[in-house]
């Protein structure tokens, strides 16, 4: 589905959820509709979002770390 949203028939009957959690996407839309702020939503579901953010930070940094290692290896002439 996407990097953040998934649908699995074995989790909540296949309803779209935030990947790595059991938080239905529709719940987030409902909370926003009820005028919850982003900070209130994060406070309520912090542990679940923390896992997701850590995963996405690692995934986004990984290619940069590889490139930096290659560049540094070339500068110092190998390991």
PDB file of N, CA and C in Angstrom:
ATOM      1  N   UNK A   1       0.825  -1.193   0.000  1.00  0.00           N
ATOM      2  CA  UNK A   1       0.000   0.000   0.000  1.00  0.00           C
ATOM      3  C   UNK A   1       0.869   1.256   0.000  1.00  0.00           C
ATOM      4  N   UNK A   2       1.723   1.383   1.014  1.00  0.00           N
ATOM      5  CA  UNK A   2       2.665   2.496   1.052  1.00  0.00           C
ATOM      6  C   UNK A   2       3.742   2.164   2.075  1.00  0.00           C
ATOM      7  N   UNK A   3       4.646   3.102   2.285  1.00  0.00           N
ATOM      8  CA  UNK A   3       5.689   2.892   3.289  1.00  0.00           C
ATOM      9  C   UNK A   3       5.146   2.968   4.703  1.00  0.00           C
ATOM     10  N   UNK A   4       4.024   3.642   4.878  1.00  0.00           N
ATOM     11  CA  UNK A   4       3.502   3.880   6.221  1.00  0.00           C
ATOM     12  C   UNK A   4       2.195   3.143   6.483  1.00  0.00           C
ATOM     13  N   UNK A   5       1.412   2.914   5.455  1.00  0.00           N
ATOM     14  CA  UNK A   5       0.099   2.284   5.615  1.00  0.00           C
ATOM     15  C   UNK A   5       0.135   0.892   5.006  1.00  0.00           C
ATOM     16  N   UNK A   6      -0.461  -0.058   5.727  1.00  0.00           N
ATOM     17  CA  UNK A   6      -0.554  -1.414   5.203  1.00  0.00           C
ATOM     18  C   UNK A   6      -1.926  -1.986   5.494  1.00  0.00           C
ATOM     19  N   UNK A   7      -2.254  -3.027   4.770  1.00  0.00           N
ATOM     20  CA  UNK A   7      -3.502  -3.731   4.970  1.00  0.00           C
ATOM     21  C   UNK A   7      -3.188  -5.217   4.963  1.00  0.00           C
ATOM     22  N   UNK A   8      -3.550  -5.899   6.034  1.00  0.00           N
ATOM     23  CA  UNK A   8      -3.286  -7.325   6.169  1.00  0.00           C
ATOM     24  C   UNK A   8      -4.564  -7.974   6.688  1.00  0.00           C
ATOM     25  N   UNK A   9      -5.101  -8.959   5.968  1.00  0.00           N
ATOM     26  CA  UNK A   9      -6.356  -9.579   6.393  1.00  0.00           C
ATOM     27  C   UNK A   9      -6.298 -10.152   7.814  1.00  0.00           C
ATOM     28  N   UNK A  10      -5.107 -10.438   8.306  1.00  0.00           N
ATOM     29  CA  UNK A  10      -4.967 -11.018   9.640  1.00  0.00           C
ATOM     30  C   UNK A  10      -4.867  -9.960  10.744  1.00  0.00           C
ATOM     31  N   UNK A  11      -4.809  -8.688  10.362  1.00  0.00           N
ATOM     32  CA  UNK A  11      -4.743  -7.601  11.348  1.00  0.00           C
ATOM     33  C   UNK A  11      -5.960  -6.711  11.167  1.00  0.00           C
ATOM     34  N   UNK A  12      -6.779  -6.639  12.186  1.00  0.00           N
ATOM     35  CA  UNK A  12      -8.000  -5.824  12.185  1.00  0.00           C
ATOM     36  C   UNK A  12      -8.871  -6.066  10.950  1.00  0.00           C
ATOM     37  N   UNK A  13      -8.930  -7.308  10.516  1.00  0.00           N
ATOM     38  CA  UNK A  13      -9.795  -7.671   9.394  1.00  0.00           C
ATOM     39  C   UNK A  13      -9.420  -7.037   8.070  1.00  0.00           C
ATOM     40  N   UNK A  14      -8.157  -6.630   7.934  1.00  0.00           N
ATOM     41  CA  UNK A  14      -7.694  -6.055   6.680  1.00  0.00           C
ATOM     42  C   UNK A  14      -7.897  -4.556   6.553  1.00  0.00           C
ATOM     43  N   UNK A  15      -8.390  -3.910   7.619  1.00  0.00           N
ATOM     44  CA  UNK A  15      -8.542  -2.453   7.564  1.00  0.00           C
ATOM     45  C   UNK A  15      -7.159  -1.817   7.437  1.00  0.00           C
ATOM     46  N   UNK A  16      -7.036  -0.726   6.688  1.00  0.00           N
ATOM     47  CA  UNK A  16      -5.740  -0.044   6.588  1.00  0.00           C
ATOM     48  C   UNK A  16      -5.277   0.420   7.975  1.00  0.00           C
ATOM     49  N   UNK A  17      -4.028   0.101   8.281  1.00  0.00           N
ATOM     50  CA  UNK A  17      -3.440   0.482   9.564  1.00  0.00           C
ATOM     51  C   UNK A  17      -2.107   1.167   9.321  1.00  0.00           C
ATOM     52  N   UNK A  18      -1.614   1.826  10.351  1.00  0.00           N
ATOM     53  CA  UNK A  18      -0.274   2.393  10.283  1.00  0.00           C
ATOM     54  C   UNK A  18       0.679   1.230  10.445  1.00  0.00           C
ATOM     55  N   UNK A  19       1.557   1.065   9.474  1.00  0.00           N
ATOM     56  CA  UNK A  19       2.461  -0.082   9.413  1.00  0.00           C
ATOM     57  C   UNK A  19       3.218  -0.253  10.731  1.00  0.00           C
ATOM     58  N   UNK A  20       3.270  -1.498  11.183  1.00  0.00           N
ATOM     59  CA  UNK A  20       3.990  -1.819  12.406  1.00  0.00           C
ATOM     60  C   UNK A  20       3.175  -1.609  13.673  1.00  0.00           C
ATOM     61  N   UNK A  21       1.909  -1.221  13.515  1.00  0.00           N
ATOM     62  CA  UNK A  21       1.041  -0.998  14.674  1.00  0.00           C
ATOM     63  C   UNK A  21      -0.304  -1.671  14.410  1.00  0.00           C
ATOM     64  N   UNK A  22      -1.186  -1.507  15.355  1.00  0.00           N
ATOM     65  CA  UNK A  22      -2.577  -1.916  15.161  1.00  0.00           C
ATOM     66  C   UNK A  22      -3.473  -0.673  15.172  1.00  0.00           C
ATOM     67  N   UNK A  23      -2.902   0.463  14.805  1.00  0.00           N
ATOM     68  CA  UNK A  23      -3.655   1.724  14.795  1.00  0.00           C
ATOM     69  C   UNK A  23      -4.314   1.886  13.423  1.00  0.00           C
ATOM     70  N   UNK A  24      -5.655   1.846  13.378  1.00  0.00           N
ATOM     71  CA  UNK A  24      -6.332   2.024  12.094  1.00  0.00           C
ATOM     72  C   UNK A  24      -6.164   3.452  11.575  1.00  0.00           C
ATOM     73  N   UNK A  25      -5.956   3.576  10.293  1.00  0.00           N
ATOM     74  CA  UNK A  25      -5.812   4.893   9.672  1.00  0.00           C
ATOM     75  C   UNK A  25      -7.057   5.732   9.918  1.00  0.00           C
ATOM     76  N   UNK A  26      -8.209   5.103   9.862  1.00  0.00           N
ATOM     77  CA  UNK A  26      -9.462   5.835  10.062  1.00  0.00           C
ATOM     78  C   UNK A  26      -9.497   6.481  11.452  1.00  0.00           C
ATOM     79  N   UNK A  27      -8.876   5.876  12.441  1.00  0.00           N
ATOM     80  CA  UNK A  27      -8.836   6.464  13.784  1.00  0.00           C
ATOM     81  C   UNK A  27      -8.095   7.801  13.767  1.00  0.00           C
ATOM     82  N   UNK A  28      -6.995   7.855  13.037  1.00  0.00           N
ATOM     83  CA  UNK A  28      -6.241   9.107  12.956  1.00  0.00           C
ATOM     84  C   UNK A  28      -7.093  10.185  12.285  1.00  0.00           C
ATOM     85  N   UNK A  29      -7.798   9.802  11.199  1.00  0.00           N
ATOM     86  CA  UNK A  29      -8.693  10.763  10.536  1.00  0.00           C
ATOM     87  C   UNK A  29      -9.786  11.240  11.496  1.00  0.00           C
ATOM     88  N   UNK A  30     -10.337  10.308  12.281  1.00  0.00           N
ATOM     89  CA  UNK A  30     -11.383  10.682  13.233  1.00  0.00           C
ATOM     90  C   UNK A  30     -10.852  11.638  14.299  1.00  0.00           C
ATOM     91  N   UNK A  31      -9.656  11.353  14.813  1.00  0.00           N
ATOM     92  CA  UNK A  31      -9.068  12.229  15.829  1.00  0.00           C
ATOM     93  C   UNK A  31      -8.822  13.628  15.275  1.00  0.00           C
ATOM     94  N   UNK A  32      -8.343  13.691  14.032  1.00  0.00           N
ATOM     95  CA  UNK A  32      -8.137  14.994  13.397  1.00  0.00           C
ATOM     96  C   UNK A  32      -9.480  15.711  13.237  1.00  0.00           C
ATOM     97  N   UNK A  33     -10.506  14.954  12.848  1.00  0.00           N
ATOM     98  CA  UNK A  33     -11.843  15.521  12.712  1.00  0.00           C
ATOM     99  C   UNK A  33     -12.400  16.037  14.034  1.00  0.00           C
ATOM    100  N   UNK A  34     -11.952  15.435  15.140  1.00  0.00           N
ATOM    101  CA  UNK A  34     -12.380  15.870  16.472  1.00  0.00           C
ATOM    102  C   UNK A  34     -11.492  16.985  17.019  1.00  0.00           C
ATOM    103  N   UNK A  35     -10.659  17.548  16.136  1.00  0.00           N
ATOM    104  CA  UNK A  35      -9.778  18.678  16.458  1.00  0.00           C
ATOM    105  C   UNK A  35      -8.616  18.328  17.389  1.00  0.00           C
ATOM    106  N   UNK A  36      -8.212  17.038  17.398  1.00  0.00           N
ATOM    107  CA  UNK A  36      -7.005  16.673  18.140  1.00  0.00           C
ATOM    108  C   UNK A  36      -5.810  17.270  17.419  1.00  0.00           C
ATOM    109  N   UNK A  37      -4.865  17.779  18.166  1.00  0.00           N
ATOM    110  CA  UNK A  37      -3.641  18.291  17.547  1.00  0.00           C
ATOM    111  C   UNK A  37      -2.687  17.124  17.298  1.00  0.00           C
ATOM    112  N   UNK A  38      -1.700  17.355  16.468  1.00  0.00           N
ATOM    113  CA  UNK A  38      -0.702  16.323  16.210  1.00  0.00           C
ATOM    114  C   UNK A  38      -0.022  15.926  17.520  1.00  0.00           C
ATOM    115  N   UNK A  39       0.275  16.902  18.369  1.00  0.00           N
ATOM    116  CA  UNK A  39       0.942  16.588  19.631  1.00  0.00           C
ATOM    117  C   UNK A  39       0.048  15.741  20.534  1.00  0.00           C
ATOM    118  N   UNK A  40      -1.248  15.963  20.514  1.00  0.00           N
ATOM    119  CA  UNK A  40      -2.167  15.140  21.315  1.00  0.00           C
ATOM    120  C   UNK A  40      -2.222  13.706  20.790  1.00  0.00           C
ATOM    121  N   UNK A  41      -2.236  13.564  19.475  1.00  0.00           N
ATOM    122  CA  UNK A  41      -2.255  12.220  18.883  1.00  0.00           C
ATOM    123  C   UNK A  41      -0.957  11.499  19.207  1.00  0.00           C
ATOM    124  N   UNK A  42       0.163  12.201  19.047  1.00  0.00           N
ATOM    125  CA  UNK A  42       1.450  11.582  19.356  1.00  0.00           C
ATOM    126  C   UNK A  42       1.542  11.208  20.831  1.00  0.00           C
ATOM    127  N   UNK A  43       1.026  12.052  21.701  1.00  0.00           N
ATOM    128  CA  UNK A  43       1.058  11.756  23.138  1.00  0.00           C
ATOM    129  C   UNK A  43       0.263  10.486  23.430  1.00  0.00           C
ATOM    130  N   UNK A  44      -0.879  10.347  22.806  1.00  0.00           N
ATOM    131  CA  UNK A  44      -1.754   9.200  23.032  1.00  0.00           C
ATOM    132  C   UNK A  44      -1.145   7.895  22.502  1.00  0.00           C
ATOM    133  N   UNK A  45      -0.466   7.974  21.366  1.00  0.00           N
ATOM    134  CA  UNK A  45       0.044   6.768  20.706  1.00  0.00           C
ATOM    135  C   UNK A  45       1.563   6.794  20.572  1.00  0.00           C
ATOM    136  N   UNK A  46       2.247   7.442  21.509  1.00  0.00           N
ATOM    137  CA  UNK A  46       3.683   7.675  21.394  1.00  0.00           C
ATOM    138  C   UNK A  46       4.485   6.402  21.182  1.00  0.00           C
ATOM    139  N   UNK A  47       4.254   5.370  21.957  1.00  0.00           N
ATOM    140  CA  UNK A  47       5.064   4.151  21.854  1.00  0.00           C
ATOM    141  C   UNK A  47       4.971   3.547  20.457  1.00  0.00           C
ATOM    142  N   UNK A  48       3.779   3.524  19.902  1.00  0.00           N
ATOM    143  CA  UNK A  48       3.606   2.973  18.552  1.00  0.00           C
ATOM    144  C   UNK A  48       4.295   3.839  17.509  1.00  0.00           C
ATOM    145  N   UNK A  49       4.099   5.160  17.601  1.00  0.00           N
ATOM    146  CA  UNK A  49       4.717   6.056  16.626  1.00  0.00           C
ATOM    147  C   UNK A  49       6.227   6.094  16.765  1.00  0.00           C
ATOM    148  N   UNK A  50       6.720   5.928  17.985  1.00  0.00           N
ATOM    149  CA  UNK A  50       8.161   5.952  18.216  1.00  0.00           C
ATOM    150  C   UNK A  50       8.847   4.828  17.442  1.00  0.00           C
ATOM    151  N   UNK A  51       8.246   3.644  17.448  1.00  0.00           N
ATOM    152  CA  UNK A  51       8.804   2.515  16.691  1.00  0.00           C
ATOM    153  C   UNK A  51       8.842   2.837  15.200  1.00  0.00           C
ATOM    154  N   UNK A  52       7.759   3.404  14.702  1.00  0.00           N
ATOM    155  CA  UNK A  52       7.671   3.735  13.278  1.00  0.00           C
ATOM    156  C   UNK A  52       8.697   4.793  12.903  1.00  0.00           C
ATOM    157  N   UNK A  53       8.793   5.841  13.717  1.00  0.00           N
ATOM    158  CA  UNK A  53       9.733   6.927  13.411  1.00  0.00           C
ATOM    159  C   UNK A  53      11.165   6.415  13.424  1.00  0.00           C
ATOM    160  N   UNK A  54      11.492   5.582  14.401  1.00  0.00           N
ATOM    161  CA  UNK A  54      12.843   5.022  14.471  1.00  0.00           C
ATOM    162  C   UNK A  54      13.138   4.239  13.205  1.00  0.00           C
ATOM    163  N   UNK A  55      12.206   3.413  12.774  1.00  0.00           N
ATOM    164  CA  UNK A  55      12.378   2.618  11.562  1.00  0.00           C
ATOM    165  C   UNK A  55      12.612   3.531  10.352  1.00  0.00           C
ATOM    166  N   UNK A  56      11.771   4.539  10.188  1.00  0.00           N
ATOM    167  CA  UNK A  56      11.880   5.408   9.017  1.00  0.00           C
ATOM    168  C   UNK A  56      13.133   6.278   9.052  1.00  0.00           C
ATOM    169  N   UNK A  57      13.544   6.676  10.237  1.00  0.00           N
ATOM    170  CA  UNK A  57      14.793   7.439  10.342  1.00  0.00           C
ATOM    171  C   UNK A  57      15.964   6.571   9.911  1.00  0.00           C
ATOM    172  N   UNK A  58      16.003   5.338  10.399  1.00  0.00           N
ATOM    173  CA  UNK A  58      17.093   4.429  10.024  1.00  0.00           C
ATOM    174  C   UNK A  58      17.080   4.177   8.525  1.00  0.00           C
ATOM    175  N   UNK A  59      15.905   3.909   7.964  1.00  0.00           N
ATOM    176  CA  UNK A  59      15.789   3.640   6.535  1.00  0.00           C
ATOM    177  C   UNK A  59      16.225   4.861   5.724  1.00  0.00           C
ATOM    178  N   UNK A  60      15.877   6.065   6.164  1.00  0.00           N
ATOM    179  CA  UNK A  60      16.236   7.252   5.390  1.00  0.00           C
ATOM    180  C   UNK A  60      17.709   7.610   5.540  1.00  0.00           C
ATOM    181  N   UNK A  61      18.307   7.290   6.680  1.00  0.00           N
ATOM    182  CA  UNK A  61      19.712   7.625   6.904  1.00  0.00           C
ATOM    183  C   UNK A  61      20.647   6.584   6.295  1.00  0.00           C
ATOM    184  N   UNK A  62      20.217   5.359   6.206  1.00  0.00           N
ATOM    185  CA  UNK A  62      21.072   4.263   5.757  1.00  0.00           C
ATOM    186  C   UNK A  62      21.788   4.542   4.434  1.00  0.00           C
ATOM    187  N   UNK A  63      21.074   4.960   3.373  1.00  0.00           N
ATOM    188  CA  UNK A  63      21.778   5.228   2.106  1.00  0.00           C
ATOM    189  C   UNK A  63      22.833   6.328   2.241  1.00  0.00           C
ATOM    190  N   UNK A  64      22.542   7.335   3.053  1.00  0.00           N
ATOM    191  CA  UNK A  64      23.500   8.419   3.264  1.00  0.00           C
ATOM    192  C   UNK A  64      24.733   7.877   3.988  1.00  0.00           C
ATOM    193  N   UNK A  65      24.511   7.024   4.977  1.00  0.00           N
ATOM    194  CA  UNK A  65      25.633   6.446   5.724  1.00  0.00           C
ATOM    195  C   UNK A  65      26.517   5.599   4.807  1.00  0.00           C
ATOM    196  N   UNK A  66      25.916   4.868   3.897  1.00  0.00           N
ATOM    197  CA  UNK A  66      26.696   4.060   2.951  1.00  0.00           C
ATOM    198  C   UNK A  66      27.528   4.971   2.053  1.00  0.00           C
ATOM    199  N   UNK A  67      26.899   6.030   1.542  1.00  0.00           N
ATOM    200  CA  UNK A  67      27.642   6.957   0.680  1.00  0.00           C
ATOM    201  C   UNK A  67      28.795   7.618   1.434  1.00  0.00           C
ATOM    202  N   UNK A  68      28.561   8.009   2.687  1.00  0.00           N
ATOM    203  CA  UNK A  68      29.616   8.623   3.490  1.00  0.00           C
ATOM    204  C   UNK A  68      30.753   7.638   3.716  1.00  0.00           C
ATOM    205  N   UNK A  69      30.427   6.376   3.934  1.00  0.00           N
ATOM    206  CA  UNK A  69      31.464   5.356   4.126  1.00  0.00           C
ATOM    207  C   UNK A  69      32.289   5.197   2.860  1.00  0.00           C
ATOM    208  N   UNK A  70      31.628   5.217   1.706  1.00  0.00           N
ATOM    209  CA  UNK A  70      32.341   5.084   0.424  1.00  0.00           C
ATOM    210  C   UNK A  70      33.248   6.292   0.217  1.00  0.00           C
ATOM    211  N   UNK A  71      32.720   7.478   0.464  1.00  0.00           N
ATOM    212  CA  UNK A  71      33.511   8.700   0.289  1.00  0.00           C
ATOM    213  C   UNK A  71      34.716   8.694   1.238  1.00  0.00           C
ATOM    214  N   UNK A  72      34.480   8.361   2.495  1.00  0.00           N
ATOM    215  CA  UNK A  72      35.577   8.330   3.468  1.00  0.00           C
ATOM    216  C   UNK A  72      36.616   7.269   3.115  1.00  0.00           C
ATOM    217  N   UNK A  73      36.186   6.143   2.604  1.00  0.00           N
ATOM    218  CA  UNK A  73      37.103   5.083   2.206  1.00  0.00           C
ATOM    219  C   UNK A  73      38.002   5.594   1.085  1.00  0.00           C
ATOM    220  N   UNK A  74      37.414   6.309   0.128  1.00  0.00           N
ATOM    221  CA  UNK A  74      38.202   6.845  -0.988  1.00  0.00           C
ATOM    222  C   UNK A  74      39.191   7.901  -0.502  1.00  0.00           C
ATOM    223  N   UNK A  75      38.796   8.710   0.472  1.00  0.00           N
ATOM    224  CA  UNK A  75      39.672   9.774   0.977  1.00  0.00           C
ATOM    225  C   UNK A  75      40.877   9.205   1.730  1.00  0.00           C
ATOM    226  N   UNK A  76      40.676   8.148   2.490  1.00  0.00           N
ATOM    227  CA  UNK A  76      41.761   7.605   3.305  1.00  0.00           C
ATOM    228  C   UNK A  76      42.443   6.416   2.644  1.00  0.00           C
ATOM    229  N   UNK A  77      42.030   6.088   1.436  1.00  0.00           N
ATOM    230  CA  UNK A  77      42.683   5.017   0.694  1.00  0.00           C
ATOM    231  C   UNK A  77      42.326   3.608   1.145  1.00  0.00           C
ATOM    232  N   UNK A  78      41.108   3.417   1.586  1.00  0.00           N
ATOM    233  CA  UNK A  78      40.670   2.079   1.994  1.00  0.00           C
ATOM    234  C   UNK A  78      40.690   1.902   3.493  1.00  0.00           C
ATOM    235  N   UNK A  79      40.412   0.685   3.891  1.00  0.00           N
ATOM    236  CA  UNK A  79      40.336   0.407   5.340  1.00  0.00           C
ATOM    237  C   UNK A  79      41.607  -0.231   5.817  1.00  0.00           C
TER     238      UNK A  79
END
